[in-house]
C-alpha atoms as a PDB file:
ATOM      1  CA  MET A   1     -12.740  -2.134  25.166  1.00  0.00           C
ATOM      2  CA  ARG A   2      -9.403  -3.673  25.855  1.00  0.00           C
ATOM      3  CA  LEU A   3      -6.796  -5.725  24.114  1.00  0.00           C
ATOM      4  CA  VAL A   4      -5.347  -7.043  27.360  1.00  0.00           C
ATOM      5  CA  ALA A   5      -7.132 -10.387  27.204  1.00  0.00           C
ATOM      6  CA  LEU A   6      -4.776 -11.419  24.413  1.00  0.00           C
ATOM      7  CA  ALA A   7      -1.496 -11.372  26.262  1.00  0.00           C
ATOM      8  CA  ALA A   8      -1.265 -14.770  27.867  1.00  0.00           C
ATOM      9  CA  SER A   9      -2.433 -16.902  24.988  1.00  0.00           C
ATOM     10  CA  LEU A  10      -0.529 -14.980  22.319  1.00  0.00           C
ATOM     11  CA  ALA A  11       2.765 -15.572  24.095  1.00  0.00           C
ATOM     12  CA  ILE A  12       2.785 -19.320  23.331  1.00  0.00           C
ATOM     13  CA  TRP A  13       5.748 -20.289  21.168  1.00  0.00           C
ATOM     14  CA  THR A  14       5.441 -23.550  19.274  1.00  0.00           C
ATOM     15  CA  GLY A  15       8.979 -23.683  17.917  1.00  0.00           C
ATOM     16  CA  ALA A  16       8.052 -22.598  14.387  1.00  0.00           C
ATOM     17  CA  ALA A  17       5.013 -20.364  14.632  1.00  0.00           C
ATOM     18  CA  TRP A  18       2.974 -18.492  17.193  1.00  0.00           C
ATOM     19  CA  SER A  19      -0.334 -19.990  18.225  1.00  0.00           C
ATOM     20  CA  GLN A  20      -3.465 -18.459  16.785  1.00  0.00           C
ATOM     21  CA  PRO A  21      -4.809 -15.605  18.881  1.00  0.00           C
ATOM     22  CA  PRO A  22      -8.037 -16.246  20.772  1.00  0.00           C
ATOM     23  CA  ALA A  23     -11.410 -15.042  19.538  1.00  0.00           C
ATOM     24  CA  SER A  24     -12.070 -13.105  22.759  1.00  0.00           C
ATOM     25  CA  LEU A  25     -10.782  -9.807  21.341  1.00  0.00           C
ATOM     26  CA  PRO A  26     -13.758  -7.590  20.476  1.00  0.00           C
ATOM     27  CA  ALA A  27     -13.790  -7.502  16.693  1.00  0.00           C
ATOM     28  CA  VAL A  28     -14.652  -3.818  16.632  1.00  0.00           C
ATOM     29  CA  VAL A  29     -11.412  -2.941  18.458  1.00  0.00           C
ATOM     30  CA  ALA A  30      -9.167  -4.966  16.168  1.00  0.00           C
ATOM     31  CA  ASP A  31     -10.981  -3.733  13.058  1.00  0.00           C
ATOM     32  CA  SER A  32     -10.823  -0.076  14.113  1.00  0.00           C
ATOM     33  CA  MET A  33      -7.143  -0.339  14.993  1.00  0.00           C
ATOM     34  CA  ARG A  34      -6.267  -1.994  11.712  1.00  0.00           C
ATOM     35  CA  THR A  35      -8.310   0.496   9.680  1.00  0.00           C
ATOM     36  CA  LEU A  36      -6.544   3.463  11.270  1.00  0.00           C
ATOM     37  CA  ILE A  37      -3.078   1.950  10.917  1.00  0.00           C
ATOM     38  CA  ASP A  38      -3.679   0.835   7.324  1.00  0.00           C
ATOM     39  CA  ARG A  39      -4.849   4.346   6.463  1.00  0.00           C
ATOM     40  CA  ALA A  40      -1.657   5.818   7.901  1.00  0.00           C
ATOM     41  CA  LEU A  41       0.599   3.264   6.214  1.00  0.00           C
ATOM     42  CA  GLN A  42      -0.930   3.976   2.814  1.00  0.00           C
ATOM     43  CA  SER A  43      -1.300   7.759   3.068  1.00  0.00           C
ATOM     44  CA  ASN A  44       2.056   8.318   4.823  1.00  0.00           C
ATOM     45  CA  ARG A  45       0.474  11.424   6.368  1.00  0.00           C
ATOM     46  CA  PRO A  46       1.605  12.371   9.902  1.00  0.00           C
ATOM     47  CA  ALA A  47      -1.976  13.334  10.784  1.00  0.00           C
ATOM     48  CA  ASP A  48      -3.165   9.784  10.041  1.00  0.00           C
ATOM     49  CA  TYR A  49      -0.424   8.361  12.247  1.00  0.00           C
ATOM     50  CA  ASP A  50      -1.543  10.785  14.967  1.00  0.00           C
ATOM     51  CA  GLY A  51      -5.084   9.440  14.642  1.00  0.00           C
ATOM     52  CA  ALA A  52      -3.868   5.886  15.158  1.00  0.00           C
ATOM     53  CA  ILE A  53      -1.780   6.949  18.159  1.00  0.00           C
ATOM     54  CA  ALA A  54      -4.791   8.719  19.700  1.00  0.00           C
ATOM     55  CA  PHE A  55      -6.854   5.535  19.337  1.00  0.00           C
ATOM     56  CA  LEU A  56      -4.147   3.464  21.007  1.00  0.00           C
ATOM     57  CA  ASP A  57      -3.727   6.052  23.757  1.00  0.00           C
ATOM     58  CA  ARG A  58      -7.413   5.645  24.600  1.00  0.00           C
ATOM     59  CA  GLU A  59      -6.887   1.897  24.899  1.00  0.00           C
ATOM     60  CA  LEU A  60      -3.830   2.401  27.079  1.00  0.00           C
ATOM     61  CA  ALA A  61      -5.685   4.849  29.330  1.00  0.00           C
ATOM     62  CA  THR A  62      -7.796   1.942  30.584  1.00  0.00           C
ATOM     63  CA  ALA A  63      -5.167  -0.808  30.210  1.00  0.00           C
ATOM     64  CA  PRO A  64      -1.739   0.881  30.490  1.00  0.00           C
ATOM     65  CA  ASP A  65       0.214  -2.377  30.293  1.00  0.00           C
ATOM     66  CA  ASP A  66      -1.665  -3.907  27.377  1.00  0.00           C
ATOM     67  CA  PRO A  67       1.117  -5.496  25.273  1.00  0.00           C
ATOM     68  CA  VAL A  68      -0.838  -5.461  22.011  1.00  0.00           C
ATOM     69  CA  ALA A  69      -1.659  -1.755  22.269  1.00  0.00           C
ATOM     70  CA  LEU A  70       1.933  -1.047  23.286  1.00  0.00           C
ATOM     71  CA  HIS A  71       3.235  -2.984  20.276  1.00  0.00           C
ATOM     72  CA  TYR A  72       1.138  -1.038  17.796  1.00  0.00           C
ATOM     73  CA  ARG A  73       1.774   2.296  19.480  1.00  0.00           C
ATOM     74  CA  GLY A  74       5.510   1.625  19.195  1.00  0.00           C
ATOM     75  CA  PHE A  75       5.104   0.530  15.582  1.00  0.00           C
ATOM     76  CA  VAL A  76       3.125   3.645  14.626  1.00  0.00           C
ATOM     77  CA  LEU A  77       5.582   5.952  16.407  1.00  0.00           C
ATOM     78  CA  TYR A  78       8.439   4.234  14.583  1.00  0.00           C
ATOM     79  CA  ARG A  79       6.761   4.721  11.201  1.00  0.00           C
ATOM     80  CA  LYS A  80       5.875   8.349  11.883  1.00  0.00           C
ATOM     81  CA  ALA A  81       9.434   9.123  13.001  1.00  0.00           C
ATOM     82  CA  SER A  82      10.790   7.400   9.891  1.00  0.00           C
ATOM     83  CA  ILE A  83       8.767   9.814   7.746  1.00  0.00           C
ATOM     84  CA  LEU A  84      10.261  12.744   9.640  1.00  0.00           C
ATOM     85  CA  VAL A  85      13.765  11.493   8.887  1.00  0.00           C
ATOM     86  CA  ALA A  86      13.051  10.717   5.226  1.00  0.00           C
ATOM     87  CA  SER A  87      11.462  14.119   4.625  1.00  0.00           C
ATOM     88  CA  GLY A  88      14.237  16.075   6.335  1.00  0.00           C
ATOM     89  CA  GLY A  89      11.952  17.058   9.202  1.00  0.00           C
ATOM     90  CA  ASP A  90      12.683  17.804  12.838  1.00  0.00           C
ATOM     91  CA  ARG A  91      15.522  15.424  13.721  1.00  0.00           C
ATOM     92  CA  ALA A  92      15.230  16.091  17.454  1.00  0.00           C
ATOM     93  CA  LEU A  93      11.524  15.180  17.357  1.00  0.00           C
ATOM     94  CA  ALA A  94      12.301  12.096  15.295  1.00  0.00           C
ATOM     95  CA  LYS A  95      14.927  11.007  17.811  1.00  0.00           C
ATOM     96  CA  ARG A  96      12.505  11.432  20.730  1.00  0.00           C
ATOM     97  CA  SER A  97       9.864   9.483  18.819  1.00  0.00           C
ATOM     98  CA  PHE A  98      12.223   6.584  18.097  1.00  0.00           C
ATOM     99  CA  GLU A  99      13.197   6.519  21.766  1.00  0.00           C
ATOM    100  CA  GLU A 100       9.535   6.494  22.819  1.00  0.00           C
ATOM    101  CA  ALA A 101       8.782   3.783  20.264  1.00  0.00           C
ATOM    102  CA  GLY A 102      11.627   1.713  21.680  1.00  0.00           C
ATOM    103  CA  ARG A 103      10.224   2.022  25.205  1.00  0.00           C
ATOM    104  CA  ASP A 104       6.731   0.980  24.120  1.00  0.00           C
ATOM    105  CA  LEU A 105       8.085  -1.955  22.138  1.00  0.00           C
ATOM    106  CA  GLU A 106      10.304  -3.090  24.990  1.00  0.00           C
ATOM    107  CA  ARG A 107       7.363  -3.069  27.402  1.00  0.00           C
ATOM    108  CA  SER A 108       5.269  -5.023  24.916  1.00  0.00           C
ATOM    109  CA  ASP A 109       8.093  -7.476  24.269  1.00  0.00           C
ATOM    110  CA  ALA A 110       8.413  -8.286  27.961  1.00  0.00           C
ATOM    111  CA  ALA A 111       4.822  -9.557  28.106  1.00  0.00           C
ATOM    112  CA  LEU A 112       4.128 -10.631  24.525  1.00  0.00           C
ATOM    113  CA  PRO A 113       7.318 -11.544  22.630  1.00  0.00           C
ATOM    114  CA  TRP A 114       6.204 -11.283  19.029  1.00  0.00           C
ATOM    115  CA  PRO A 115       9.115 -11.621  16.570  1.00  0.00           C
ATOM    116  CA  GLU A 116       8.049  -8.364  14.903  1.00  0.00           C
ATOM    117  CA  THR A 117       8.326  -6.506  18.202  1.00  0.00           C
ATOM    118  CA  ARG A 118      11.908  -7.646  18.685  1.00  0.00           C
ATOM    119  CA  ALA A 119      12.768  -6.738  15.077  1.00  0.00           C
ATOM    120  CA  LEU A 120      11.157  -3.304  15.408  1.00  0.00           C
ATOM    121  CA  ARG A 121      13.190  -2.638  18.556  1.00  0.00           C
ATOM    122  CA  SER A 122      16.278  -3.312  16.466  1.00  0.00           C
ATOM    123  CA  ALA A 123      15.020  -1.052  13.681  1.00  0.00           C
ATOM    124  CA  ALA A 124      14.357   1.799  16.121  1.00  0.00           C
ATOM    125  CA  LEU A 125      17.900   1.487  17.451  1.00  0.00           C
ATOM    126  CA  GLY A 126      19.208   1.528  13.889  1.00  0.00           C
ATOM    127  CA  GLN A 127      17.432   4.813  13.260  1.00  0.00           C
ATOM    128  CA  LEU A 128      18.808   6.243  16.496  1.00  0.00           C
ATOM    129  CA  ILE A 129      22.316   5.303  15.358  1.00  0.00           C
ATOM    130  CA  GLY A 130      21.757   7.271  12.174  1.00  0.00           C
ATOM    131  CA  LEU A 131      20.565  10.299  14.137  1.00  0.00           C
ATOM    132  CA  SER A 132      23.179  10.180  16.879  1.00  0.00           C
ATOM    133  CA  GLY A 133      26.534  10.087  15.112  1.00  0.00           C
ATOM    134  CA  ALA A 134      29.377   7.621  14.698  1.00  0.00           C
ATOM    135  CA  THR A 135      29.901   6.889  18.392  1.00  0.00           C
ATOM    136  CA  ALA A 136      26.352   5.503  18.616  1.00  0.00           C
ATOM    137  CA  THR A 137      27.338   2.733  16.199  1.00  0.00           C
ATOM    138  CA  PHE A 138      29.619   1.204  18.814  1.00  0.00           C
ATOM    139  CA  ARG A 139      27.213   1.925  21.670  1.00  0.00           C
ATOM    140  CA  LEU A 140      23.941   0.759  20.094  1.00  0.00           C
ATOM    141  CA  GLY A 141      25.019  -1.325  17.094  1.00  0.00           C
ATOM    142  CA  PRO A 142      25.734  -4.599  18.924  1.00  0.00           C
ATOM    143  CA  ARG A 143      22.405  -4.405  20.738  1.00  0.00           C
ATOM    144  CA  ALA A 144      20.527  -3.720  17.502  1.00  0.00           C
ATOM    145  CA  SER A 145      22.202  -6.711  15.829  1.00  0.00           C
ATOM    146  CA  ARG A 146      21.466  -8.973  18.803  1.00  0.00           C
ATOM    147  CA  LEU A 147      17.780  -8.021  18.824  1.00  0.00           C
ATOM    148  CA  LEU A 148      17.460  -8.678  15.096  1.00  0.00           C
ATOM    149  CA  ASP A 149      19.134 -12.075  15.441  1.00  0.00           C
ATOM    150  CA  GLU A 150      16.811 -12.910  18.342  1.00  0.00           C
ATOM    151  CA  ALA A 151      13.798 -11.910  16.240  1.00  0.00           C
ATOM    152  CA  THR A 152      14.954 -14.261  13.479  1.00  0.00           C
ATOM    153  CA  THR A 153      15.352 -17.116  15.945  1.00  0.00           C
ATOM    154  CA  MET A 154      11.877 -16.437  17.342  1.00  0.00           C
ATOM    155  CA  GLY A 155      10.271 -16.186  13.898  1.00  0.00           C
ATOM    156  CA  PRO A 156      12.451 -17.934  11.325  1.00  0.00           C
ATOM    157  CA  ASN A 157       9.566 -17.953   8.842  1.00  0.00           C
ATOM    158  CA  ASN A 158       8.206 -14.532   9.681  1.00  0.00           C
ATOM    159  CA  PRO A 159       8.167 -12.355   6.538  1.00  0.00           C
ATOM    160  CA  ARG A 160       8.113  -9.048   8.441  1.00  0.00           C
ATOM    161  CA  VAL A 161      11.273  -9.997  10.319  1.00  0.00           C
ATOM    162  CA  TRP A 162      13.026 -10.814   7.045  1.00  0.00           C
ATOM    163  CA  MET A 163      11.801  -7.573   5.499  1.00  0.00           C
ATOM    164  CA  LEU A 164      13.296  -5.606   8.401  1.00  0.00           C
ATOM    165  CA  ARG A 165      16.506  -7.627   8.063  1.00  0.00           C
ATOM    166  CA  GLY A 166      16.674  -6.671   4.391  1.00  0.00           C
ATOM    167  CA  VAL A 167      16.080  -2.996   5.095  1.00  0.00           C
ATOM    168  CA  SER A 168      18.744  -3.060   7.793  1.00  0.00           C
ATOM    169  CA  ALA A 169      21.221  -4.638   5.368  1.00  0.00           C
ATOM    170  CA  MET A 170      20.562  -1.864   2.822  1.00  0.00           C
ATOM    171  CA  PHE A 171      21.952   0.714   5.206  1.00  0.00           C
ATOM    172  CA  LYS A 172      24.636  -1.379   6.900  1.00  0.00           C
ATOM    173  CA  PRO A 173      28.191  -1.584   5.538  1.00  0.00           C
ATOM    174  CA  ARG A 174      29.421  -4.929   4.213  1.00  0.00           C
ATOM    175  CA  LEU A 175      31.999  -4.942   6.973  1.00  0.00           C
ATOM    176  CA  PHE A 176      29.133  -5.284   9.466  1.00  0.00           C
ATOM    177  CA  GLY A 177      27.158  -7.863   7.487  1.00  0.00           C
ATOM    178  CA  GLY A 178      25.170  -5.517   5.252  1.00  0.00           C
ATOM    179  CA  GLY A 179      25.276  -4.524   1.609  1.00  0.00           C
ATOM    180  CA  LEU A 180      22.814  -4.464  -1.271  1.00  0.00           C
ATOM    181  CA  GLY A 181      23.464  -8.081  -2.232  1.00  0.00           C
ATOM    182  CA  ARG A 182      22.573  -9.309   1.240  1.00  0.00           C
ATOM    183  CA  ALA A 183      19.591  -6.962   1.344  1.00  0.00           C
ATOM    184  CA  GLU A 184      18.222  -8.312  -1.950  1.00  0.00           C
ATOM    185  CA  GLN A 185      18.486 -11.906  -0.721  1.00  0.00           C
ATOM    186  CA  GLU A 186      16.649 -11.115   2.489  1.00  0.00           C
ATOM    187  CA  LEU A 187      13.913  -9.061   0.831  1.00  0.00           C
ATOM    188  CA  GLN A 188      13.345 -11.810  -1.738  1.00  0.00           C
ATOM    189  CA  HIS A 189      13.162 -14.331   1.086  1.00  0.00           C
ATOM    190  CA  ALA A 190      10.590 -12.155   2.842  1.00  0.00           C
ATOM    191  CA  LEU A 191       8.482 -12.104  -0.329  1.00  0.00           C
ATOM    192  CA  SER A 192       8.589 -15.887  -0.576  1.00  0.00           C
ATOM    193  CA  LEU A 193       7.329 -16.092   3.015  1.00  0.00           C
ATOM    194  CA  PHE A 194       4.541 -13.570   2.447  1.00  0.00           C
ATOM    195  CA  ALA A 195       3.018 -16.025  -0.033  1.00  0.00           C
ATOM    196  CA  GLY A 196       1.908 -18.164   2.909  1.00  0.00           C
ATOM    197  CA  ASP A 197       1.406 -15.411   5.471  1.00  0.00           C
ATOM    198  CA  VAL A 198      -2.136 -15.422   6.921  1.00  0.00           C
ATOM    199  CA  PRO A 199      -1.955 -13.748  10.348  1.00  0.00           C
ATOM    200  CA  SER A 200      -5.041 -13.692  12.548  1.00  0.00           C
ATOM    201  CA  PRO A 201      -5.995 -10.383  14.173  1.00  0.00           C
ATOM    202  CA  PRO A 202      -4.518  -8.721  16.094  1.00  0.00           C
ATOM    203  CA  ALA A 203      -1.201 -10.280  15.040  1.00  0.00           C
ATOM    204  CA  PRO A 204       0.935  -8.048  12.767  1.00  0.00           C
ATOM    205  CA  TRP A 205      -0.179  -8.094   9.137  1.00  0.00           C
ATOM    206  CA  TRP A 206       1.762  -5.284   7.455  1.00  0.00           C
ATOM    207  CA  GLY A 207       4.756  -5.408   5.151  1.00  0.00           C
ATOM    208  CA  HIS A 208       3.958  -7.236   1.900  1.00  0.00           C
ATOM    209  CA  ALA A 209       3.642  -4.196  -0.365  1.00  0.00           C
ATOM    210  CA  GLU A 210       6.363  -2.426   1.584  1.00  0.00           C
ATOM    211  CA  THR A 211       8.789  -5.256   0.850  1.00  0.00           C
ATOM    212  CA  TYR A 212       8.255  -4.775  -2.891  1.00  0.00           C
ATOM    213  CA  ALA A 213       8.781  -1.038  -2.384  1.00  0.00           C
ATOM    214  CA  TRP A 214      12.114  -1.563  -0.638  1.00  0.00           C
ATOM    215  CA  LEU A 215      13.180  -4.090  -3.270  1.00  0.00           C
ATOM    216  CA  GLY A 216      12.348  -1.568  -5.974  1.00  0.00           C
ATOM    217  CA  LEU A 217      14.339   1.110  -4.188  1.00  0.00           C
ATOM    218  CA  LEU A 218      17.280  -1.278  -3.940  1.00  0.00           C
ATOM    219  CA  TYR A 219      17.117  -1.970  -7.693  1.00  0.00           C
ATOM    220  CA  ALA A 220      16.836   1.752  -8.403  1.00  0.00           C
ATOM    221  CA  ARG A 221      20.034   2.345  -6.441  1.00  0.00           C
ATOM    222  CA  GLN A 222      21.729  -0.288  -8.571  1.00  0.00           C
ATOM    223  CA  GLY A 223      20.489   1.329 -11.780  1.00  0.00           C
ATOM    224  CA  LYS A 224      18.200  -1.623 -12.573  1.00  0.00           C
ATOM    225  CA  VAL A 225      15.334   0.537 -13.735  1.00  0.00           C
ATOM    226  CA  ASP A 226      13.127  -2.160 -15.279  1.00  0.00           C
ATOM    227  CA  GLN A 227      13.387  -4.363 -12.200  1.00  0.00           C
ATOM    228  CA  ALA A 228      12.682  -1.411  -9.939  1.00  0.00           C
ATOM    229  CA  ARG A 229       9.582  -0.492 -11.925  1.00  0.00           C
ATOM    230  CA  ALA A 230       8.349  -4.097 -11.820  1.00  0.00           C
ATOM    231  CA  ALA A 231       8.724  -4.150  -8.045  1.00  0.00           C
ATOM    232  CA  TYR A 232       6.796  -0.883  -7.707  1.00  0.00           C
ATOM    233  CA  VAL A 233       4.030  -2.271  -9.924  1.00  0.00           C
ATOM    234  CA  ARG A 234       3.741  -5.274  -7.614  1.00  0.00           C
ATOM    235  CA  ALA A 235       3.611  -3.000  -4.567  1.00  0.00           C
ATOM    236  CA  LEU A 236       0.809  -0.915  -6.067  1.00  0.00           C
ATOM    237  CA  ALA A 237      -1.085  -4.036  -7.107  1.00  0.00           C
ATOM    238  CA  LEU A 238      -1.213  -4.957  -3.422  1.00  0.00           C
ATOM    239  CA  GLU A 239      -1.833  -1.416  -2.179  1.00  0.00           C
ATOM    240  CA  PRO A 240      -3.073   0.916  -4.943  1.00  0.00           C
ATOM    241  CA  GLY A 241      -3.245   3.803  -2.485  1.00  0.00           C
ATOM    242  CA  ASN A 242       0.327   3.522  -1.244  1.00  0.00           C
ATOM    243  CA  ALA A 243       1.443   7.160  -1.352  1.00  0.00           C
ATOM    244  CA  TRP A 244       5.135   6.420  -0.743  1.00  0.00           C
ATOM    245  CA  VAL A 245       5.349   4.269  -3.860  1.00  0.00           C
ATOM    246  CA  ARG A 246       2.937   6.220  -6.055  1.00  0.00           C
ATOM    247  CA  ASN A 247       3.991   9.774  -5.163  1.00  0.00           C
ATOM    248  CA  GLU A 248       7.669   9.385  -4.318  1.00  0.00           C
ATOM    249  CA  LEU A 249       9.371   6.215  -5.516  1.00  0.00           C
ATOM    250  CA  VAL A 250       7.792   5.944  -8.974  1.00  0.00           C
ATOM    251  CA  PRO A 251       8.323   9.648  -9.868  1.00  0.00           C
ATOM    252  CA  ALA A 252      11.915   9.466  -8.619  1.00  0.00           C
ATOM    253  CA  LEU A 253      12.545   6.448 -10.844  1.00  0.00           C
ATOM    254  CA  GLU A 254      11.061   8.156 -13.891  1.00  0.00           C
ATOM    255  CA  LYS A 255      13.104  11.293 -13.194  1.00  0.00           C
ATOM    256  CA  ALA A 256      16.286   9.226 -13.008  1.00  0.00           C
ATOM    257  CA  ARG A 257      15.572   7.772 -16.470  1.00  0.00           C
ATOM    258  CA  ARG A 258      15.591  11.182 -18.151  1.00  0.00           C
END
């Protein structure tokens, strides 16, 4: 079972939105992939990310240049490495994983330029900057910014691109176009776009609940406890099993209130 049949028709850009993917993708492949990735995104467990990677590796064993499989493998590696960083895990392993994610995403992007792929390449570079020291800012920063701007041009109404823009702004100094005010605007814009977001498999679908989670974290950093809690409630309404929100963000907010 392969995803490769998607590549040509998914790469059609209409000027405002990507064309709908064809129905030729075996439904069982898309459903299995989404189930595994959704499980990992909600549980936040490295073992669940490993399961999704193993599934994608089996696809890539028969179709090594499949751009859809490469996109999702890069995405899953990026998310798994992000957990390592957030939990204070093996930084060297996280760095290698972000680098591998970047390579997979770049290969996917060359054949199937989804806006999310371009934005994720930028996000992976941003994480590498954080792991590599100050000099990496000048070496990788301009490229990361260029990729994110290109993603926005490709998908001006893509909510996942705007979510990643908002997250980037949270960790970027005002001097370089970041800051919490900019981040809030971009996350709110992403939420407005999610209201009309109906992607067809295997196009990217993730991010709605996560955007509320990041917005809540932003409000928590500003001391806006009630607004943070409201954002977390919205995230859990969309994904009741979201372990990051339920087990980490909400308890941290309640602890800060005491």
